Amino acid sequence: MGFVLNTVDYGDTSLILNILTKEHGLIGVIGKGVKSMKSRLRTSTQKFTYGSFYIYYKEGKLSLLKDVDVIQPFLHIHSDIVLIGYLNYITELVYQVYKESESAKLYDYFIATVLQLENGLDPEILVSILEVKCLDFLGVGLNLDACTHCGNATSIVTIDADAGGLVCKKCYRNEMLVSIKTIQFLRMYQYVDIKSIRKIDIQEQQKKEINEFLTIYYNRYTGIYLKSKEFLKKLKELQ
């Protein structure tokens, strides 16, 4: 099984599919003639396809596609331009993160997030959860168990992007304050099993604070900047 993160044109009628799989990681697969209107694989070899891919596997080289069985067509997501925007962002994010850390766990987190997006869960919350989990793969995970400066687990007053985690009352030096609920949700995001989520109720203020913090942190420490994130911001402003 795998998910097509992106495609590259190969000649006039063929595509190279970059497919994220749990067993073999990120692999390149040539789909010969799949762009042709007559090809029966035309619709099942596009970006965002989640399916069982039957291939002639060549380790370290481009493999050859034989057939595809689509597992989930994501009809709900594809009916909403906003959800497509969120899917595009997390797909690009995971593609960049996987190049830094080839972990099967990242595949699990990604697929669980996409399936929950299809199930109708809040896309903004799902994106934030995935962003928090991706930080560990990038080697810049958040310290959400105790004060980053002194190790004190009590009297926490805020979270700071410069410190990379929590700040207690004793170590507080005029950092931007966020609500305690925001901190609690961020900590939950770090440990929650994405596929087990049924419902998460978060006020808009907490979602805003979490998004702002993660945006600053990603810009400062990950080296990952995606235009699709800016597109999401514009979509949010239009809503």
C-alpha atoms as a PDB file:
ATOM      1  CA  MET A   1       0.000   0.000   0.000  1.00  0.00           C
ATOM      2  CA  GLY A   2       1.092   3.547  -0.600  1.00  0.00           C
ATOM      3  CA  PHE A   3       0.129   7.178  -1.175  1.00  0.00           C
ATOM      4  CA  VAL A   4       1.139   9.262  -4.201  1.00  0.00           C
ATOM      5  CA  LEU A   5       2.762  12.365  -2.737  1.00  0.00           C
ATOM      6  CA  ASN A   6       3.518  13.932  -6.111  1.00  0.00           C
ATOM      7  CA  THR A   7       4.064  13.139  -9.773  1.00  0.00           C
ATOM      8  CA  VAL A   8       6.563  14.214 -12.442  1.00  0.00           C
ATOM      9  CA  ASP A   9       5.915  14.153 -16.181  1.00  0.00           C
ATOM     10  CA  TYR A  10       7.939  11.508 -18.012  1.00  0.00           C
ATOM     11  CA  GLY A  11       7.710  11.932 -21.743  1.00  0.00           C
ATOM     12  CA  ASP A  12       4.392  12.785 -23.359  1.00  0.00           C
ATOM     13  CA  THR A  13       2.164  10.112 -21.824  1.00  0.00           C
ATOM     14  CA  SER A  14       3.974   8.717 -18.785  1.00  0.00           C
ATOM     15  CA  LEU A  15       4.460   9.767 -15.163  1.00  0.00           C
ATOM     16  CA  ILE A  16       6.957   9.178 -12.396  1.00  0.00           C
ATOM     17  CA  LEU A  17       4.981   8.636  -9.198  1.00  0.00           C
ATOM     18  CA  ASN A  18       6.648   9.396  -5.879  1.00  0.00           C
ATOM     19  CA  ILE A  19       4.843   6.968  -3.588  1.00  0.00           C
ATOM     20  CA  LEU A  20       5.213   6.857   0.192  1.00  0.00           C
ATOM     21  CA  THR A  21       4.946   3.293   1.457  1.00  0.00           C
ATOM     22  CA  LYS A  22       5.367   1.746   4.890  1.00  0.00           C
ATOM     23  CA  GLU A  23       7.404  -1.240   3.691  1.00  0.00           C
ATOM     24  CA  HIS A  24       9.822   0.403   1.249  1.00  0.00           C
ATOM     25  CA  GLY A  25       9.703   4.070   2.214  1.00  0.00           C
ATOM     26  CA  LEU A  26       9.562   6.670  -0.541  1.00  0.00           C
ATOM     27  CA  ILE A  27       9.877   5.040  -3.945  1.00  0.00           C
ATOM     28  CA  GLY A  28       9.804   6.284  -7.508  1.00  0.00           C
ATOM     29  CA  VAL A  29       7.576   4.361  -9.916  1.00  0.00           C
ATOM     30  CA  ILE A  30       7.206   4.848 -13.658  1.00  0.00           C
ATOM     31  CA  GLY A  31       3.636   4.650 -14.915  1.00  0.00           C
ATOM     32  CA  LYS A  32       4.025   4.134 -18.636  1.00  0.00           C
ATOM     33  CA  GLY A  33       1.263   5.661 -20.749  1.00  0.00           C
ATOM     34  CA  VAL A  34      -0.907   6.507 -17.724  1.00  0.00           C
ATOM     35  CA  LYS A  35      -1.521  10.087 -18.912  1.00  0.00           C
ATOM     36  CA  SER A  36      -3.213   8.808 -22.045  1.00  0.00           C
ATOM     37  CA  MET A  37      -6.979   9.268 -22.167  1.00  0.00           C
ATOM     38  CA  LYS A  38      -7.246   5.590 -23.074  1.00  0.00           C
ATOM     39  CA  SER A  39      -5.279   4.354 -20.071  1.00  0.00           C
ATOM     40  CA  ARG A  40      -7.359   2.524 -17.448  1.00  0.00           C
ATOM     41  CA  LEU A  41      -4.846   3.727 -14.826  1.00  0.00           C
ATOM     42  CA  ARG A  42      -5.223   7.404 -15.683  1.00  0.00           C
ATOM     43  CA  THR A  43      -7.364   8.351 -12.669  1.00  0.00           C
ATOM     44  CA  SER A  44      -5.629   6.007 -10.225  1.00  0.00           C
ATOM     45  CA  THR A  45      -2.123   7.384 -10.749  1.00  0.00           C
ATOM     46  CA  GLN A  46      -2.754  11.010  -9.861  1.00  0.00           C
ATOM     47  CA  LYS A  47      -1.450  12.914  -6.862  1.00  0.00           C
ATOM     48  CA  PHE A  48      -3.293  11.981  -3.618  1.00  0.00           C
ATOM     49  CA  THR A  49      -4.048   8.414  -4.746  1.00  0.00           C
ATOM     50  CA  TYR A  50      -4.093   5.996  -1.800  1.00  0.00           C
ATOM     51  CA  GLY A  51      -4.035   2.404  -2.949  1.00  0.00           C
ATOM     52  CA  SER A  52      -2.342  -0.930  -3.426  1.00  0.00           C
ATOM     53  CA  PHE A  53       0.307  -0.511  -6.111  1.00  0.00           C
ATOM     54  CA  TYR A  54       1.444  -3.573  -8.021  1.00  0.00           C
ATOM     55  CA  ILE A  55       4.935  -2.941  -9.333  1.00  0.00           C
ATOM     56  CA  TYR A  56       8.143  -4.485 -10.559  1.00  0.00           C
ATOM     57  CA  TYR A  57      10.169  -3.291  -7.576  1.00  0.00           C
ATOM     58  CA  LYS A  58      13.779  -2.222  -8.137  1.00  0.00           C
ATOM     59  CA  GLU A  59      15.574  -1.209  -4.958  1.00  0.00           C
ATOM     60  CA  GLY A  60      17.363   2.123  -5.348  1.00  0.00           C
ATOM     61  CA  LYS A  61      15.996   2.550  -8.867  1.00  0.00           C
ATOM     62  CA  LEU A  62      12.766   3.541 -10.559  1.00  0.00           C
ATOM     63  CA  SER A  63      10.256   0.711 -10.330  1.00  0.00           C
ATOM     64  CA  LEU A  64       7.675  -0.099 -13.012  1.00  0.00           C
ATOM     65  CA  LEU A  65       3.947   0.171 -12.346  1.00  0.00           C
ATOM     66  CA  LYS A  66       1.743  -2.768 -13.330  1.00  0.00           C
ATOM     67  CA  ASP A  67      -1.612  -2.027 -11.685  1.00  0.00           C
ATOM     68  CA  VAL A  68      -3.393  -0.066  -8.931  1.00  0.00           C
ATOM     69  CA  ASP A  69      -6.305  -0.843  -6.623  1.00  0.00           C
ATOM     70  CA  VAL A  70      -7.616   2.362  -5.048  1.00  0.00           C
ATOM     71  CA  ILE A  71      -8.262   1.917  -1.312  1.00  0.00           C
ATOM     72  CA  GLN A  72      -9.959   5.223  -0.557  1.00  0.00           C
ATOM     73  CA  PRO A  73     -11.070   7.747  -3.230  1.00  0.00           C
ATOM     74  CA  PHE A  74     -11.443  10.597  -0.684  1.00  0.00           C
ATOM     75  CA  LEU A  75     -14.736  11.808  -2.118  1.00  0.00           C
ATOM     76  CA  HIS A  76     -15.373  14.115   0.846  1.00  0.00           C
ATOM     77  CA  ILE A  77     -12.004  15.832   0.543  1.00  0.00           C
ATOM     78  CA  HIS A  78     -12.202  16.215  -3.231  1.00  0.00           C
ATOM     79  CA  SER A  79     -15.599  17.900  -2.926  1.00  0.00           C
ATOM     80  CA  ASP A  80     -14.153  20.817  -0.922  1.00  0.00           C
ATOM     81  CA  ILE A  81     -11.427  23.177  -2.201  1.00  0.00           C
ATOM     82  CA  VAL A  82     -10.458  24.034   1.388  1.00  0.00           C
ATOM     83  CA  LEU A  83      -9.920  20.390   2.321  1.00  0.00           C
ATOM     84  CA  ILE A  84      -7.887  19.885  -0.849  1.00  0.00           C
ATOM     85  CA  GLY A  85      -5.717  22.775   0.315  1.00  0.00           C
ATOM     86  CA  TYR A  86      -5.139  21.103   3.679  1.00  0.00           C
ATOM     87  CA  LEU A  87      -4.380  17.770   2.011  1.00  0.00           C
ATOM     88  CA  ASN A  88      -1.919  19.433  -0.328  1.00  0.00           C
ATOM     89  CA  TYR A  89      -0.111  21.043   2.594  1.00  0.00           C
ATOM     90  CA  ILE A  90       0.260  17.914   4.726  1.00  0.00           C
ATOM     91  CA  THR A  91       1.343  15.941   1.648  1.00  0.00           C
ATOM     92  CA  GLU A  92       4.096  18.456   0.889  1.00  0.00           C
ATOM     93  CA  LEU A  93       5.060  18.627   4.573  1.00  0.00           C
ATOM     94  CA  VAL A  94       5.451  14.854   4.898  1.00  0.00           C
ATOM     95  CA  TYR A  95       7.431  14.712   1.643  1.00  0.00           C
ATOM     96  CA  GLN A  96       9.952  17.200   3.061  1.00  0.00           C
ATOM     97  CA  VAL A  97      10.079  15.608   6.514  1.00  0.00           C
ATOM     98  CA  TYR A  98      10.544  12.104   5.120  1.00  0.00           C
ATOM     99  CA  LYS A  99      13.647  13.234   3.272  1.00  0.00           C
ATOM    100  CA  GLU A 100      15.122  14.087   6.683  1.00  0.00           C
ATOM    101  CA  SER A 101      13.938  11.009   8.579  1.00  0.00           C
ATOM    102  CA  GLU A 102      12.895   7.830   6.794  1.00  0.00           C
ATOM    103  CA  SER A 103      10.605   6.433   9.480  1.00  0.00           C
ATOM    104  CA  ALA A 104       7.633   4.094   9.073  1.00  0.00           C
ATOM    105  CA  LYS A 105       5.986   5.981  11.940  1.00  0.00           C
ATOM    106  CA  LEU A 106       5.749   9.065   9.743  1.00  0.00           C
ATOM    107  CA  TYR A 107       3.817   7.028   7.185  1.00  0.00           C
ATOM    108  CA  ASP A 108       1.388   5.886   9.888  1.00  0.00           C
ATOM    109  CA  TYR A 109       0.859   9.440  11.171  1.00  0.00           C
ATOM    110  CA  PHE A 110       0.323  10.748   7.657  1.00  0.00           C
ATOM    111  CA  ILE A 111      -2.192   8.109   6.542  1.00  0.00           C
ATOM    112  CA  ALA A 112      -4.103   8.421   9.825  1.00  0.00           C
ATOM    113  CA  THR A 113      -4.302  12.204   9.353  1.00  0.00           C
ATOM    114  CA  VAL A 114      -5.584  11.944   5.776  1.00  0.00           C
ATOM    115  CA  LEU A 115      -8.214   9.373   6.735  1.00  0.00           C
ATOM    116  CA  GLN A 116      -9.421  11.556   9.612  1.00  0.00           C
ATOM    117  CA  LEU A 117      -9.580  14.507   7.231  1.00  0.00           C
ATOM    118  CA  GLU A 118     -11.845  12.405   5.029  1.00  0.00           C
ATOM    119  CA  ASN A 119     -13.903  11.504   8.120  1.00  0.00           C
ATOM    120  CA  GLY A 120     -14.730  15.175   8.641  1.00  0.00           C
ATOM    121  CA  LEU A 121     -12.579  16.080  11.641  1.00  0.00           C
ATOM    122  CA  ASP A 122     -11.419  19.681  11.978  1.00  0.00           C
ATOM    123  CA  PRO A 123      -8.633  20.102   9.366  1.00  0.00           C
ATOM    124  CA  GLU A 124      -6.880  22.888  11.265  1.00  0.00           C
ATOM    125  CA  ILE A 125      -6.581  20.706  14.370  1.00  0.00           C
ATOM    126  CA  LEU A 126      -5.398  17.702  12.362  1.00  0.00           C
ATOM    127  CA  VAL A 127      -2.708  19.766  10.648  1.00  0.00           C
ATOM    128  CA  SER A 128      -1.436  21.086  13.991  1.00  0.00           C
ATOM    129  CA  ILE A 129      -1.294  17.571  15.454  1.00  0.00           C
ATOM    130  CA  LEU A 130       0.718  16.310  12.486  1.00  0.00           C
ATOM    131  CA  GLU A 131       3.026  19.342  12.639  1.00  0.00           C
ATOM    132  CA  VAL A 132       3.772  18.672  16.318  1.00  0.00           C
ATOM    133  CA  LYS A 133       4.558  15.015  15.618  1.00  0.00           C
ATOM    134  CA  CYS A 134       6.761  15.854  12.624  1.00  0.00           C
ATOM    135  CA  LEU A 135       9.086  17.948  14.775  1.00  0.00           C
ATOM    136  CA  ASP A 136      10.571  14.845  16.409  1.00  0.00           C
ATOM    137  CA  PHE A 137      11.520  13.459  12.993  1.00  0.00           C
ATOM    138  CA  LEU A 138      13.290  16.738  12.237  1.00  0.00           C
ATOM    139  CA  GLY A 139      15.277  16.594  15.487  1.00  0.00           C
ATOM    140  CA  VAL A 140      13.649  19.683  16.961  1.00  0.00           C
ATOM    141  CA  GLY A 141      10.890  18.168  19.067  1.00  0.00           C
ATOM    142  CA  LEU A 142       9.160  20.297  21.683  1.00  0.00           C
ATOM    143  CA  ASN A 143       9.791  19.957  25.425  1.00  0.00           C
ATOM    144  CA  LEU A 144       6.247  19.810  26.772  1.00  0.00           C
ATOM    145  CA  ASP A 145       6.875  17.953  30.041  1.00  0.00           C
ATOM    146  CA  ALA A 146       8.720  20.583  32.103  1.00  0.00           C
ATOM    147  CA  CYS A 147      10.272  24.027  31.959  1.00  0.00           C
ATOM    148  CA  THR A 148      12.920  24.088  29.241  1.00  0.00           C
ATOM    149  CA  HIS A 149      15.202  26.274  31.336  1.00  0.00           C
ATOM    150  CA  CYS A 150      15.148  24.670  34.801  1.00  0.00           C
ATOM    151  CA  GLY A 151      13.257  21.391  34.490  1.00  0.00           C
ATOM    152  CA  ASN A 152      10.479  22.466  36.847  1.00  0.00           C
ATOM    153  CA  ALA A 153       7.232  20.673  35.991  1.00  0.00           C
ATOM    154  CA  THR A 154       5.005  23.024  37.979  1.00  0.00           C
ATOM    155  CA  SER A 155       4.023  26.698  37.732  1.00  0.00           C
ATOM    156  CA  ILE A 156       4.171  26.632  33.900  1.00  0.00           C
ATOM    157  CA  VAL A 157       3.024  29.976  32.503  1.00  0.00           C
ATOM    158  CA  THR A 158       3.660  29.808  28.746  1.00  0.00           C
ATOM    159  CA  ILE A 159       5.430  28.128  25.850  1.00  0.00           C
ATOM    160  CA  ASP A 160       8.209  29.885  23.970  1.00  0.00           C
ATOM    161  CA  ALA A 161       9.484  29.258  20.452  1.00  0.00           C
ATOM    162  CA  ASP A 162      13.007  30.476  21.292  1.00  0.00           C
ATOM    163  CA  ALA A 163      13.229  28.106  24.247  1.00  0.00           C
ATOM    164  CA  GLY A 164      11.684  25.238  22.332  1.00  0.00           C
ATOM    165  CA  GLY A 165       9.165  24.401  24.998  1.00  0.00           C
ATOM    166  CA  LEU A 166       7.586  25.327  28.286  1.00  0.00           C
ATOM    167  CA  VAL A 167       8.543  28.208  30.558  1.00  0.00           C
ATOM    168  CA  CYS A 168       7.763  28.282  34.273  1.00  0.00           C
ATOM    169  CA  LYS A 169       6.930  31.309  36.424  1.00  0.00           C
ATOM    170  CA  LYS A 170      10.458  31.468  37.861  1.00  0.00           C
ATOM    171  CA  CYS A 171      12.130  31.515  34.426  1.00  0.00           C
ATOM    172  CA  TYR A 172       9.588  33.759  32.716  1.00  0.00           C
ATOM    173  CA  ARG A 173      11.219  36.807  31.066  1.00  0.00           C
ATOM    174  CA  ASN A 174       8.414  38.635  29.263  1.00  0.00           C
ATOM    175  CA  GLU A 175       7.839  35.909  26.646  1.00  0.00           C
ATOM    176  CA  MET A 176       4.497  35.999  24.841  1.00  0.00           C
ATOM    177  CA  LEU A 177       1.835  34.450  27.040  1.00  0.00           C
ATOM    178  CA  VAL A 178      -0.584  31.804  25.814  1.00  0.00           C
ATOM    179  CA  SER A 179      -3.459  30.215  27.685  1.00  0.00           C
ATOM    180  CA  ILE A 180      -2.876  27.126  29.822  1.00  0.00           C
ATOM    181  CA  LYS A 181      -5.437  25.301  27.676  1.00  0.00           C
ATOM    182  CA  THR A 182      -3.276  25.970  24.627  1.00  0.00           C
ATOM    183  CA  ILE A 183      -0.331  24.335  26.391  1.00  0.00           C
ATOM    184  CA  GLN A 184      -2.503  21.395  27.440  1.00  0.00           C
ATOM    185  CA  PHE A 185      -3.719  20.858  23.881  1.00  0.00           C
ATOM    186  CA  LEU A 186      -0.177  21.034  22.468  1.00  0.00           C
ATOM    187  CA  ARG A 187       0.920  18.372  24.926  1.00  0.00           C
ATOM    188  CA  MET A 188      -2.054  16.238  23.978  1.00  0.00           C
ATOM    189  CA  TYR A 189      -1.165  16.664  20.293  1.00  0.00           C
ATOM    190  CA  GLN A 190       2.300  15.268  21.002  1.00  0.00           C
ATOM    191  CA  TYR A 191       0.988  12.025  22.489  1.00  0.00           C
ATOM    192  CA  VAL A 192      -2.460  11.440  20.944  1.00  0.00           C
ATOM    193  CA  ASP A 193      -3.061   8.464  18.649  1.00  0.00           C
ATOM    194  CA  ILE A 194      -4.399  10.188  15.531  1.00  0.00           C
ATOM    195  CA  LYS A 195      -6.454   7.255  14.297  1.00  0.00           C
ATOM    196  CA  SER A 196      -8.257   6.944  17.652  1.00  0.00           C
ATOM    197  CA  ILE A 197      -9.568  10.535  17.633  1.00  0.00           C
ATOM    198  CA  ARG A 198     -13.351  10.788  17.417  1.00  0.00           C
ATOM    199  CA  LYS A 199     -13.907  14.429  18.324  1.00  0.00           C
ATOM    200  CA  ILE A 200     -11.834  17.362  19.550  1.00  0.00           C
ATOM    201  CA  ASP A 201     -13.475  20.567  20.738  1.00  0.00           C
ATOM    202  CA  ILE A 202     -11.093  23.508  20.823  1.00  0.00           C
ATOM    203  CA  GLN A 203     -11.962  27.175  20.944  1.00  0.00           C
ATOM    204  CA  GLU A 204     -10.841  29.370  18.079  1.00  0.00           C
ATOM    205  CA  GLN A 205      -8.466  31.293  20.358  1.00  0.00           C
ATOM    206  CA  GLN A 206      -6.564  28.121  21.285  1.00  0.00           C
ATOM    207  CA  LYS A 207      -6.407  27.000  17.641  1.00  0.00           C
ATOM    208  CA  LYS A 208      -5.059  30.418  16.682  1.00  0.00           C
ATOM    209  CA  GLU A 209      -2.390  30.406  19.398  1.00  0.00           C
ATOM    210  CA  ILE A 210      -1.268  26.882  18.487  1.00  0.00           C
ATOM    211  CA  ASN A 211      -1.088  27.705  14.780  1.00  0.00           C
ATOM    212  CA  GLU A 212       0.852  30.917  15.384  1.00  0.00           C
ATOM    213  CA  PHE A 213       3.324  29.189  17.693  1.00  0.00           C
ATOM    214  CA  LEU A 214       3.932  26.290  15.299  1.00  0.00           C
ATOM    215  CA  THR A 215       4.341  28.629  12.320  1.00  0.00           C
ATOM    216  CA  ILE A 216       7.019  30.619  14.178  1.00  0.00           C
ATOM    217  CA  TYR A 217       8.730  27.460  15.396  1.00  0.00           C
ATOM    218  CA  TYR A 218       8.801  25.833  11.956  1.00  0.00           C
ATOM    219  CA  ASN A 219      10.148  28.986  10.324  1.00  0.00           C
ATOM    220  CA  ARG A 220      12.836  29.325  12.965  1.00  0.00           C
ATOM    221  CA  TYR A 221      14.110  25.776  13.397  1.00  0.00           C
ATOM    222  CA  THR A 222      13.096  23.405  10.602  1.00  0.00           C
ATOM    223  CA  GLY A 223      14.206  25.057   7.377  1.00  0.00           C
ATOM    224  CA  ILE A 224      10.885  23.994   5.865  1.00  0.00           C
ATOM    225  CA  TYR A 225       8.897  26.725   4.150  1.00  0.00           C
ATOM    226  CA  LEU A 226       5.935  25.678   2.028  1.00  0.00           C
ATOM    227  CA  LYS A 227       3.844  27.986  -0.132  1.00  0.00           C
ATOM    228  CA  SER A 228       0.885  25.691   0.511  1.00  0.00           C
ATOM    229  CA  LYS A 229       0.911  26.870   4.144  1.00  0.00           C
ATOM    230  CA  GLU A 230       0.512  30.462   2.970  1.00  0.00           C
ATOM    231  CA  PHE A 231      -2.375  29.330   0.777  1.00  0.00           C
ATOM    232  CA  LEU A 232      -4.070  27.848   3.852  1.00  0.00           C
ATOM    233  CA  LYS A 233      -3.641  31.153   5.648  1.00  0.00           C
ATOM    234  CA  LYS A 234      -5.358  32.990   2.790  1.00  0.00           C
ATOM    235  CA  LEU A 235      -8.184  30.432   2.745  1.00  0.00           C
ATOM    236  CA  LYS A 236      -8.655  30.936   6.482  1.00  0.00           C
ATOM    237  CA  GLU A 237      -8.909  34.702   6.013  1.00  0.00           C
ATOM    238  CA  LEU A 238     -11.614  34.261   3.366  1.00  0.00           C
ATOM    239  CA  GLN A 239     -13.787  32.087   5.592  1.00  0.00           C
END
